[in-house]
Amino acid sequence: MEWTFANLIIQIVAGLIGSHIAAAAAHEHRFGFWRHSLVGLLSGAVGGFFLQKYASTVVTASGSLNEPTHVQIIASQVLTGAVLGAIAMMTIGLIINERSKGD
C-alpha cells in the first residue's frame, strides 16, 4: 500500500475523535476541550504521516504480502488514528494530573 493524503486525513479525524472518546471515558484525566482537540489532531497527524503504510501492511504466514481491500484499509486507518489519539490524550492527561498534585 502506498502513502495517500486521504489516509492522512482519515487518521487526523480519527485521532481527534479518539482523544475525545478517551476523555469522556476517563474523567480524571481531562484537561479541556481545545487541548483534547489539539492533542488528537497532532497525534493523528503524526501517526498518519509516519505509520500509515505500516497500519495496513498485512503479511501471511508464509511471509508474502496480502493486499488488503479498500474497506480493510479504511478500517485500519480509522482504528490506528483513534487509538493513537486516545493513547496520547491519556498520556498527556496523566502527566498533567501528576504535575498538578505536586510533591
PDB file of N, CA and C in Angstrom:
ATOM      1  N   MET A   1       0.824  -1.172   0.000  1.00  0.00           N
ATOM      2  CA  MET A   1       0.000   0.000   0.000  1.00  0.00           C
ATOM      3  C   MET A   1       0.870   1.237   0.000  1.00  0.00           C
ATOM      4  N   GLU A   2       0.456   2.227  -0.743  1.00  0.00           N
ATOM      5  CA  GLU A   2       1.214   3.464  -0.822  1.00  0.00           C
ATOM      6  C   GLU A   2       0.632   4.515   0.101  1.00  0.00           C
ATOM      7  N   TRP A   3       1.456   5.495   0.425  1.00  0.00           N
ATOM      8  CA  TRP A   3       1.047   6.604   1.271  1.00  0.00           C
ATOM      9  C   TRP A   3       0.088   7.495   0.492  1.00  0.00           C
ATOM     10  N   THR A   4      -1.057   7.862   1.114  1.00  0.00           N
ATOM     11  CA  THR A   4      -2.014   8.748   0.453  1.00  0.00           C
ATOM     12  C   THR A   4      -2.444   9.854   1.398  1.00  0.00           C
ATOM     13  N   PHE A   5      -2.822  10.976   0.819  1.00  0.00           N
ATOM     14  CA  PHE A   5      -3.292  12.115   1.602  1.00  0.00           C
ATOM     15  C   PHE A   5      -4.645  11.814   2.234  1.00  0.00           C
ATOM     16  N   ALA A   6      -5.471  11.027   1.559  1.00  0.00           N
ATOM     17  CA  ALA A   6      -6.789  10.672   2.099  1.00  0.00           C
ATOM     18  C   ALA A   6      -6.651   9.884   3.401  1.00  0.00           C
ATOM     19  N   ASN A   7      -5.709   8.965   3.447  1.00  0.00           N
ATOM     20  CA  ASN A   7      -5.487   8.204   4.677  1.00  0.00           C
ATOM     21  C   ASN A   7      -4.950   9.090   5.794  1.00  0.00           C
ATOM     22  N   LEU A   8      -4.173  10.100   5.445  1.00  0.00           N
ATOM     23  CA  LEU A   8      -3.698  11.058   6.448  1.00  0.00           C
ATOM     24  C   LEU A   8      -4.873  11.803   7.065  1.00  0.00           C
ATOM     25  N   ILE A   9      -5.796  12.258   6.235  1.00  0.00           N
ATOM     26  CA  ILE A   9      -6.983  12.964   6.729  1.00  0.00           C
ATOM     27  C   ILE A   9      -7.830  12.042   7.596  1.00  0.00           C
ATOM     28  N   ILE A  10      -7.983  10.796   7.181  1.00  0.00           N
ATOM     29  CA  ILE A  10      -8.748   9.821   7.965  1.00  0.00           C
ATOM     30  C   ILE A  10      -8.133   9.655   9.345  1.00  0.00           C
ATOM     31  N   GLN A  11      -6.814   9.538   9.421  1.00  0.00           N
ATOM     32  CA  GLN A  11      -6.175   9.340  10.713  1.00  0.00           C
ATOM     33  C   GLN A  11      -6.228  10.603  11.574  1.00  0.00           C
ATOM     34  N   ILE A  12      -6.168  11.775  10.971  1.00  0.00           N
ATOM     35  CA  ILE A  12      -6.264  13.010  11.744  1.00  0.00           C
ATOM     36  C   ILE A  12      -7.644  13.126  12.387  1.00  0.00           C
ATOM     37  N   VAL A  13      -8.687  12.893  11.601  1.00  0.00           N
ATOM     38  CA  VAL A  13     -10.052  12.978  12.133  1.00  0.00           C
ATOM     39  C   VAL A  13     -10.285  11.884  13.175  1.00  0.00           C
ATOM     40  N   ALA A  14      -9.798  10.694  12.922  1.00  0.00           N
ATOM     41  CA  ALA A  14      -9.959   9.599  13.883  1.00  0.00           C
ATOM     42  C   ALA A  14      -9.184   9.873  15.162  1.00  0.00           C
ATOM     43  N   GLY A  15      -8.023  10.508  15.070  1.00  0.00           N
ATOM     44  CA  GLY A  15      -7.270  10.883  16.265  1.00  0.00           C
ATOM     45  C   GLY A  15      -8.031  11.886  17.110  1.00  0.00           C
ATOM     46  N   LEU A  16      -8.678  12.844  16.464  1.00  0.00           N
ATOM     47  CA  LEU A  16      -9.499  13.823  17.162  1.00  0.00           C
ATOM     48  C   LEU A  16     -10.652  13.140  17.896  1.00  0.00           C
ATOM     49  N   ILE A  17     -11.337  12.261  17.209  1.00  0.00           N
ATOM     50  CA  ILE A  17     -12.471  11.550  17.812  1.00  0.00           C
ATOM     51  C   ILE A  17     -11.995  10.628  18.934  1.00  0.00           C
ATOM     52  N   GLY A  18     -10.893   9.926  18.713  1.00  0.00           N
ATOM     53  CA  GLY A  18     -10.360   9.022  19.730  1.00  0.00           C
ATOM     54  C   GLY A  18      -9.951   9.737  21.002  1.00  0.00           C
ATOM     55  N   SER A  19      -9.388  10.926  20.881  1.00  0.00           N
ATOM     56  CA  SER A  19      -8.989  11.670  22.076  1.00  0.00           C
ATOM     57  C   SER A  19     -10.208  12.117  22.872  1.00  0.00           C
ATOM     58  N   HIS A  20     -11.276  12.489  22.201  1.00  0.00           N
ATOM     59  CA  HIS A  20     -12.479  12.919  22.916  1.00  0.00           C
ATOM     60  C   HIS A  20     -13.229  11.735  23.538  1.00  0.00           C
ATOM     61  N   ILE A  21     -13.191  10.592  22.892  1.00  0.00           N
ATOM     62  CA  ILE A  21     -13.798   9.399  23.484  1.00  0.00           C
ATOM     63  C   ILE A  21     -13.028   8.983  24.735  1.00  0.00           C
ATOM     64  N   ALA A  22     -11.707   9.040  24.671  1.00  0.00           N
ATOM     65  CA  ALA A  22     -10.893   8.699  25.847  1.00  0.00           C
ATOM     66  C   ALA A  22     -11.121   9.703  26.972  1.00  0.00           C
ATOM     67  N   ALA A  23     -11.307  10.976  26.638  1.00  0.00           N
ATOM     68  CA  ALA A  23     -11.567  11.990  27.663  1.00  0.00           C
ATOM     69  C   ALA A  23     -12.922  11.756  28.323  1.00  0.00           C
ATOM     70  N   ALA A  24     -13.894  11.312  27.542  1.00  0.00           N
ATOM     71  CA  ALA A  24     -15.210  11.016  28.115  1.00  0.00           C
ATOM     72  C   ALA A  24     -15.158   9.779  29.010  1.00  0.00           C
ATOM     73  N   ALA A  25     -14.301   8.847  28.678  1.00  0.00           N
ATOM     74  CA  ALA A  25     -14.199   7.608  29.458  1.00  0.00           C
ATOM     75  C   ALA A  25     -13.384   7.792  30.735  1.00  0.00           C
ATOM     76  N   ALA A  26     -12.387   8.641  30.704  1.00  0.00           N
ATOM     77  CA  ALA A  26     -11.502   8.836  31.865  1.00  0.00           C
ATOM     78  C   ALA A  26     -11.633  10.275  32.357  1.00  0.00           C
ATOM     79  N   HIS A  27     -12.583  10.499  33.236  1.00  0.00           N
ATOM     80  CA  HIS A  27     -12.865  11.859  33.704  1.00  0.00           C
ATOM     81  C   HIS A  27     -11.701  12.483  34.466  1.00  0.00           C
ATOM     82  N   GLU A  28     -10.944  11.679  35.159  1.00  0.00           N
ATOM     83  CA  GLU A  28      -9.853  12.226  35.977  1.00  0.00           C
ATOM     84  C   GLU A  28      -8.674  12.728  35.156  1.00  0.00           C
ATOM     85  N   HIS A  29      -8.626  12.383  33.878  1.00  0.00           N
ATOM     86  CA  HIS A  29      -7.507  12.815  33.029  1.00  0.00           C
ATOM     87  C   HIS A  29      -7.907  13.885  32.021  1.00  0.00           C
ATOM     88  N   ARG A  30      -9.052  14.497  32.205  1.00  0.00           N
ATOM     89  CA  ARG A  30      -9.482  15.559  31.291  1.00  0.00           C
ATOM     90  C   ARG A  30      -8.631  16.800  31.491  1.00  0.00           C
ATOM     91  N   PHE A  31      -8.437  17.536  30.412  1.00  0.00           N
ATOM     92  CA  PHE A  31      -7.697  18.795  30.513  1.00  0.00           C
ATOM     93  C   PHE A  31      -8.201  19.844  29.540  1.00  0.00           C
ATOM     94  N   GLY A  32      -9.457  19.779  29.140  1.00  0.00           N
ATOM     95  CA  GLY A  32     -10.063  20.817  28.325  1.00  0.00           C
ATOM     96  C   GLY A  32     -10.351  20.400  26.901  1.00  0.00           C
ATOM     97  N   PHE A  33     -11.486  20.892  26.361  1.00  0.00           N
ATOM     98  CA  PHE A  33     -11.937  20.523  25.025  1.00  0.00           C
ATOM     99  C   PHE A  33     -10.914  20.877  23.961  1.00  0.00           C
ATOM    100  N   TRP A  34     -10.415  22.093  23.984  1.00  0.00           N
ATOM    101  CA  TRP A  34      -9.491  22.538  22.936  1.00  0.00           C
ATOM    102  C   TRP A  34      -8.150  21.819  23.037  1.00  0.00           C
ATOM    103  N   ARG A  35      -7.720  21.533  24.240  1.00  0.00           N
ATOM    104  CA  ARG A  35      -6.467  20.788  24.400  1.00  0.00           C
ATOM    105  C   ARG A  35      -6.619  19.345  23.938  1.00  0.00           C
ATOM    106  N   HIS A  36      -7.778  18.737  24.231  1.00  0.00           N
ATOM    107  CA  HIS A  36      -8.030  17.380  23.723  1.00  0.00           C
ATOM    108  C   HIS A  36      -8.029  17.385  22.204  1.00  0.00           C
ATOM    109  N   SER A  37      -8.663  18.424  21.634  1.00  0.00           N
ATOM    110  CA  SER A  37      -8.703  18.527  20.174  1.00  0.00           C
ATOM    111  C   SER A  37      -7.306  18.655  19.596  1.00  0.00           C
ATOM    112  N   LEU A  38      -6.490  19.502  20.200  1.00  0.00           N
ATOM    113  CA  LEU A  38      -5.123  19.711  19.716  1.00  0.00           C
ATOM    114  C   LEU A  38      -4.301  18.431  19.817  1.00  0.00           C
ATOM    115  N   VAL A  39      -4.382  17.749  20.949  1.00  0.00           N
ATOM    116  CA  VAL A  39      -3.636  16.506  21.127  1.00  0.00           C
ATOM    117  C   VAL A  39      -4.115  15.447  20.135  1.00  0.00           C
ATOM    118  N   GLY A  40      -5.430  15.334  19.928  1.00  0.00           N
ATOM    119  CA  GLY A  40      -5.964  14.363  18.983  1.00  0.00           C
ATOM    120  C   GLY A  40      -5.548  14.654  17.551  1.00  0.00           C
ATOM    121  N   LEU A  41      -5.604  15.931  17.160  1.00  0.00           N
ATOM    122  CA  LEU A  41      -5.193  16.299  15.802  1.00  0.00           C
ATOM    123  C   LEU A  41      -3.711  16.039  15.574  1.00  0.00           C
ATOM    124  N   LEU A  42      -2.887  16.419  16.547  1.00  0.00           N
ATOM    125  CA  LEU A  42      -1.442  16.215  16.394  1.00  0.00           C
ATOM    126  C   LEU A  42      -1.065  14.736  16.388  1.00  0.00           C
ATOM    127  N   SER A  43      -1.648  13.957  17.280  1.00  0.00           N
ATOM    128  CA  SER A  43      -1.304  12.534  17.306  1.00  0.00           C
ATOM    129  C   SER A  43      -1.809  11.824  16.051  1.00  0.00           C
ATOM    130  N   GLY A  44      -2.994  12.206  15.578  1.00  0.00           N
ATOM    131  CA  GLY A  44      -3.487  11.627  14.325  1.00  0.00           C
ATOM    132  C   GLY A  44      -2.613  12.004  13.140  1.00  0.00           C
ATOM    133  N   ALA A  45      -2.143  13.256  13.119  1.00  0.00           N
ATOM    134  CA  ALA A  45      -1.282  13.710  12.026  1.00  0.00           C
ATOM    135  C   ALA A  45       0.067  13.001  12.047  1.00  0.00           C
ATOM    136  N   VAL A  46       0.656  12.890  13.219  1.00  0.00           N
ATOM    137  CA  VAL A  46       1.958  12.212  13.320  1.00  0.00           C
ATOM    138  C   VAL A  46       1.805  10.737  12.952  1.00  0.00           C
ATOM    139  N   GLY A  47       0.753  10.096  13.466  1.00  0.00           N
ATOM    140  CA  GLY A  47       0.516   8.700  13.130  1.00  0.00           C
ATOM    141  C   GLY A  47       0.217   8.504  11.656  1.00  0.00           C
ATOM    142  N   GLY A  48      -0.566   9.409  11.092  1.00  0.00           N
ATOM    143  CA  GLY A  48      -0.890   9.309   9.674  1.00  0.00           C
ATOM    144  C   GLY A  48       0.303   9.550   8.784  1.00  0.00           C
ATOM    145  N   PHE A  49       1.184  10.405   9.235  1.00  0.00           N
ATOM    146  CA  PHE A  49       2.364  10.713   8.431  1.00  0.00           C
ATOM    147  C   PHE A  49       3.384   9.581   8.483  1.00  0.00           C
ATOM    148  N   PHE A  50       3.627   9.031   9.669  1.00  0.00           N
ATOM    149  CA  PHE A  50       4.688   8.040   9.823  1.00  0.00           C
ATOM    150  C   PHE A  50       4.213   6.585   9.808  1.00  0.00           C
ATOM    151  N   LEU A  51       3.008   6.306  10.318  1.00  0.00           N
ATOM    152  CA  LEU A  51       2.576   4.914  10.476  1.00  0.00           C
ATOM    153  C   LEU A  51       1.557   4.462   9.447  1.00  0.00           C
ATOM    154  N   GLN A  52       1.225   5.308   8.495  1.00  0.00           N
ATOM    155  CA  GLN A  52       0.164   5.000   7.549  1.00  0.00           C
ATOM    156  C   GLN A  52       0.419   3.722   6.761  1.00  0.00           C
ATOM    157  N   LYS A  53       1.595   3.576   6.248  1.00  0.00           N
ATOM    158  CA  LYS A  53       1.917   2.401   5.435  1.00  0.00           C
ATOM    159  C   LYS A  53       1.944   1.134   6.287  1.00  0.00           C
ATOM    160  N   TYR A  54       2.438   1.235   7.514  1.00  0.00           N
ATOM    161  CA  TYR A  54       2.583   0.061   8.358  1.00  0.00           C
ATOM    162  C   TYR A  54       1.267  -0.388   8.963  1.00  0.00           C
ATOM    163  N   ALA A  55       0.296   0.523   9.094  1.00  0.00           N
ATOM    164  CA  ALA A  55      -1.003   0.161   9.661  1.00  0.00           C
ATOM    165  C   ALA A  55      -1.768  -0.784   8.750  1.00  0.00           C
ATOM    166  N   SER A  56      -1.535  -0.705   7.447  1.00  0.00           N
ATOM    167  CA  SER A  56      -2.286  -1.532   6.501  1.00  0.00           C
ATOM    168  C   SER A  56      -1.456  -2.645   5.881  1.00  0.00           C
ATOM    169  N   THR A  57      -0.263  -2.866   6.354  1.00  0.00           N
ATOM    170  CA  THR A  57       0.562  -3.943   5.820  1.00  0.00           C
ATOM    171  C   THR A  57       0.165  -5.248   6.496  1.00  0.00           C
ATOM    172  N   VAL A  58      -0.277  -6.191   5.697  1.00  0.00           N
ATOM    173  CA  VAL A  58      -0.715  -7.482   6.206  1.00  0.00           C
ATOM    174  C   VAL A  58       0.126  -8.555   5.527  1.00  0.00           C
ATOM    175  N   VAL A  59       0.761  -9.385   6.328  1.00  0.00           N
ATOM    176  CA  VAL A  59       1.630 -10.433   5.812  1.00  0.00           C
ATOM    177  C   VAL A  59       1.024 -11.789   6.181  1.00  0.00           C
ATOM    178  N   THR A  60       1.078 -12.724   5.249  1.00  0.00           N
ATOM    179  CA  THR A  60       0.570 -14.071   5.510  1.00  0.00           C
ATOM    180  C   THR A  60       1.587 -14.869   6.320  1.00  0.00           C
ATOM    181  N   ALA A  61       1.213 -16.083   6.686  1.00  0.00           N
ATOM    182  CA  ALA A  61       2.101 -16.932   7.484  1.00  0.00           C
ATOM    183  C   ALA A  61       3.369 -17.304   6.724  1.00  0.00           C
ATOM    184  N   SER A  62       3.292 -17.353   5.404  1.00  0.00           N
ATOM    185  CA  SER A  62       4.472 -17.699   4.618  1.00  0.00           C
ATOM    186  C   SER A  62       5.385 -16.495   4.377  1.00  0.00           C
ATOM    187  N   GLY A  63       4.942 -15.305   4.764  1.00  0.00           N
ATOM    188  CA  GLY A  63       5.766 -14.117   4.601  1.00  0.00           C
ATOM    189  C   GLY A  63       5.434 -13.294   3.377  1.00  0.00           C
ATOM    190  N   SER A  64       4.475 -13.723   2.580  1.00  0.00           N
ATOM    191  CA  SER A  64       4.107 -12.959   1.392  1.00  0.00           C
ATOM    192  C   SER A  64       3.118 -11.850   1.773  1.00  0.00           C
ATOM    193  N   LEU A  65       3.126 -10.795   0.995  1.00  0.00           N
ATOM    194  CA  LEU A  65       2.280  -9.642   1.261  1.00  0.00           C
ATOM    195  C   LEU A  65       0.851  -9.920   0.806  1.00  0.00           C
ATOM    196  N   ASN A  66      -0.093  -9.652   1.672  1.00  0.00           N
ATOM    197  CA  ASN A  66      -1.502  -9.829   1.365  1.00  0.00           C
ATOM    198  C   ASN A  66      -2.101  -8.450   1.111  1.00  0.00           C
ATOM    199  N   GLU A  67      -2.633  -8.211  -0.080  1.00  0.00           N
ATOM    200  CA  GLU A  67      -3.212  -6.921  -0.426  1.00  0.00           C
ATOM    201  C   GLU A  67      -4.566  -6.746   0.257  1.00  0.00           C
ATOM    202  N   PRO A  68      -4.703  -5.766   1.152  1.00  0.00           N
ATOM    203  CA  PRO A  68      -5.998  -5.546   1.812  1.00  0.00           C
ATOM    204  C   PRO A  68      -6.976  -4.838   0.871  1.00  0.00           C
ATOM    205  N   THR A  69      -8.259  -5.017   1.134  1.00  0.00           N
ATOM    206  CA  THR A  69      -9.286  -4.337   0.353  1.00  0.00           C
ATOM    207  C   THR A  69      -9.412  -2.889   0.830  1.00  0.00           C
ATOM    208  N   HIS A  70     -10.184  -2.075   0.116  1.00  0.00           N
ATOM    209  CA  HIS A  70     -10.352  -0.674   0.496  1.00  0.00           C
ATOM    210  C   HIS A  70     -11.041  -0.535   1.851  1.00  0.00           C
ATOM    211  N   VAL A  71     -11.989  -1.394   2.116  1.00  0.00           N
ATOM    212  CA  VAL A  71     -12.685  -1.357   3.405  1.00  0.00           C
ATOM    213  C   VAL A  71     -11.723  -1.688   4.535  1.00  0.00           C
ATOM    214  N   GLN A  72     -10.868  -2.671   4.338  1.00  0.00           N
ATOM    215  CA  GLN A  72      -9.887  -3.032   5.354  1.00  0.00           C
ATOM    216  C   GLN A  72      -8.881  -1.906   5.573  1.00  0.00           C
ATOM    217  N   ILE A  73      -8.494  -1.228   4.520  1.00  0.00           N
ATOM    218  CA  ILE A  73      -7.552  -0.111   4.643  1.00  0.00           C
ATOM    219  C   ILE A  73      -8.183   1.017   5.442  1.00  0.00           C
ATOM    220  N   ILE A  74      -9.419   1.375   5.112  1.00  0.00           N
ATOM    221  CA  ILE A  74     -10.092   2.457   5.831  1.00  0.00           C
ATOM    222  C   ILE A  74     -10.287   2.083   7.293  1.00  0.00           C
ATOM    223  N   ALA A  75     -10.703   0.854   7.560  1.00  0.00           N
ATOM    224  CA  ALA A  75     -10.910   0.410   8.940  1.00  0.00           C
ATOM    225  C   ALA A  75      -9.611   0.456   9.735  1.00  0.00           C
ATOM    226  N   SER A  76      -8.518   0.004   9.152  1.00  0.00           N
ATOM    227  CA  SER A  76      -7.247   0.019   9.873  1.00  0.00           C
ATOM    228  C   SER A  76      -6.751   1.441  10.101  1.00  0.00           C
ATOM    229  N   GLN A  77      -6.979   2.355   9.145  1.00  0.00           N
ATOM    230  CA  GLN A  77      -6.570   3.748   9.327  1.00  0.00           C
ATOM    231  C   GLN A  77      -7.400   4.425  10.415  1.00  0.00           C
ATOM    232  N   VAL A  78      -8.700   4.154  10.435  1.00  0.00           N
ATOM    233  CA  VAL A  78      -9.572   4.739  11.465  1.00  0.00           C
ATOM    234  C   VAL A  78      -9.184   4.218  12.843  1.00  0.00           C
ATOM    235  N   LEU A  79      -8.996   2.929  12.971  1.00  0.00           N
ATOM    236  CA  LEU A  79      -8.636   2.360  14.269  1.00  0.00           C
ATOM    237  C   LEU A  79      -7.261   2.832  14.734  1.00  0.00           C
ATOM    238  N   THR A  80      -6.309   2.918  13.824  1.00  0.00           N
ATOM    239  CA  THR A  80      -4.975   3.392  14.194  1.00  0.00           C
ATOM    240  C   THR A  80      -5.030   4.836  14.676  1.00  0.00           C
ATOM    241  N   GLY A  81      -5.728   5.692  13.952  1.00  0.00           N
ATOM    242  CA  GLY A  81      -5.840   7.091  14.355  1.00  0.00           C
ATOM    243  C   GLY A  81      -6.561   7.256  15.678  1.00  0.00           C
ATOM    244  N   ALA A  82      -7.647   6.521  15.882  1.00  0.00           N
ATOM    245  CA  ALA A  82      -8.410   6.631  17.123  1.00  0.00           C
ATOM    246  C   ALA A  82      -7.604   6.146  18.325  1.00  0.00           C
ATOM    247  N   VAL A  83      -6.912   5.052  18.157  1.00  0.00           N
ATOM    248  CA  VAL A  83      -6.105   4.526  19.262  1.00  0.00           C
ATOM    249  C   VAL A  83      -4.942   5.463  19.581  1.00  0.00           C
ATOM    250  N   LEU A  84      -4.301   6.011  18.562  1.00  0.00           N
ATOM    251  CA  LEU A  84      -3.217   6.961  18.813  1.00  0.00           C
ATOM    252  C   LEU A  84      -3.721   8.214  19.525  1.00  0.00           C
ATOM    253  N   GLY A  85      -4.885   8.706  19.113  1.00  0.00           N
ATOM    254  CA  GLY A  85      -5.474   9.872  19.778  1.00  0.00           C
ATOM    255  C   GLY A  85      -5.803   9.586  21.230  1.00  0.00           C
ATOM    256  N   ALA A  86      -6.367   8.411  21.497  1.00  0.00           N
ATOM    257  CA  ALA A  86      -6.719   8.038  22.865  1.00  0.00           C
ATOM    258  C   ALA A  86      -5.480   7.857  23.734  1.00  0.00           C
ATOM    259  N   ILE A  87      -4.469   7.189  23.203  1.00  0.00           N
ATOM    260  CA  ILE A  87      -3.235   6.972  23.977  1.00  0.00           C
ATOM    261  C   ILE A  87      -2.544   8.298  24.273  1.00  0.00           C
ATOM    262  N   ALA A  88      -2.486   9.179  23.288  1.00  0.00           N
ATOM    263  CA  ALA A  88      -1.843  10.476  23.503  1.00  0.00           C
ATOM    264  C   ALA A  88      -2.602  11.311  24.528  1.00  0.00           C
ATOM    265  N   MET A  89      -3.932  11.316  24.451  1.00  0.00           N
ATOM    266  CA  MET A  89      -4.732  12.076  25.407  1.00  0.00           C
ATOM    267  C   MET A  89      -4.562  11.541  26.820  1.00  0.00           C
ATOM    268  N   MET A  90      -4.568  10.217  26.964  1.00  0.00           N
ATOM    269  CA  MET A  90      -4.386   9.622  28.293  1.00  0.00           C
ATOM    270  C   MET A  90      -2.990   9.904  28.845  1.00  0.00           C
ATOM    271  N   THR A  91      -1.991   9.867  27.985  1.00  0.00           N
ATOM    272  CA  THR A  91      -0.624  10.140  28.427  1.00  0.00           C
ATOM    273  C   THR A  91      -0.472  11.587  28.889  1.00  0.00           C
ATOM    274  N   ILE A  92      -0.940  12.523  28.074  1.00  0.00           N
ATOM    275  CA  ILE A  92      -0.853  13.936  28.448  1.00  0.00           C
ATOM    276  C   ILE A  92      -1.699  14.211  29.685  1.00  0.00           C
ATOM    277  N   GLY A  93      -2.888  13.622  29.758  1.00  0.00           N
ATOM    278  CA  GLY A  93      -3.747  13.802  30.930  1.00  0.00           C
ATOM    279  C   GLY A  93      -3.106  13.273  32.196  1.00  0.00           C
ATOM    280  N   LEU A  94      -2.444  12.129  32.112  1.00  0.00           N
ATOM    281  CA  LEU A  94      -1.751  11.573  33.274  1.00  0.00           C
ATOM    282  C   LEU A  94      -0.612  12.478  33.716  1.00  0.00           C
ATOM    283  N   ILE A  95       0.142  12.989  32.769  1.00  0.00           N
ATOM    284  CA  ILE A  95       1.254  13.884  33.105  1.00  0.00           C
ATOM    285  C   ILE A  95       0.739  15.157  33.756  1.00  0.00           C
ATOM    286  N   ILE A  96      -0.305  15.751  33.188  1.00  0.00           N
ATOM    287  CA  ILE A  96      -0.864  16.978  33.764  1.00  0.00           C
ATOM    288  C   ILE A  96      -1.453  16.706  35.146  1.00  0.00           C
ATOM    289  N   ASN A  97      -2.132  15.584  35.315  1.00  0.00           N
ATOM    290  CA  ASN A  97      -2.714  15.230  36.599  1.00  0.00           C
ATOM    291  C   ASN A  97      -1.636  15.034  37.659  1.00  0.00           C
ATOM    292  N   GLU A  98      -0.571  14.351  37.328  1.00  0.00           N
ATOM    293  CA  GLU A  98       0.511  14.113  38.278  1.00  0.00           C
ATOM    294  C   GLU A  98       1.261  15.400  38.613  1.00  0.00           C
ATOM    295  N   ARG A  99       1.440  16.274  37.646  1.00  0.00           N
ATOM    296  CA  ARG A  99       2.130  17.529  37.907  1.00  0.00           C
ATOM    297  C   ARG A  99       1.301  18.460  38.773  1.00  0.00           C
ATOM    298  N   SER A 100      -0.026  18.380  38.650  1.00  0.00           N
ATOM    299  CA  SER A 100      -0.875  19.260  39.449  1.00  0.00           C
ATOM    300  C   SER A 100      -0.949  18.817  40.898  1.00  0.00           C
ATOM    301  N   LYS A 101      -0.668  17.546  41.187  1.00  0.00           N
ATOM    302  CA  LYS A 101      -0.672  17.057  42.561  1.00  0.00           C
ATOM    303  C   LYS A 101       0.482  17.645  43.378  1.00  0.00           C
ATOM    304  N   GLY A 102       1.579  17.905  42.723  1.00  0.00           N
ATOM    305  CA  GLY A 102       2.751  18.426  43.439  1.00  0.00           C
ATOM    306  C   GLY A 102       3.519  17.329  44.136  1.00  0.00           C
ATOM    307  N   ASP A 103       4.448  17.737  44.970  1.00  0.00           N
ATOM    308  CA  ASP A 103       5.290  16.754  45.683  1.00  0.00           C
ATOM    309  C   ASP A 103       4.694  16.316  46.964  1.00  0.00           C
TER     310      ASP A 103
END
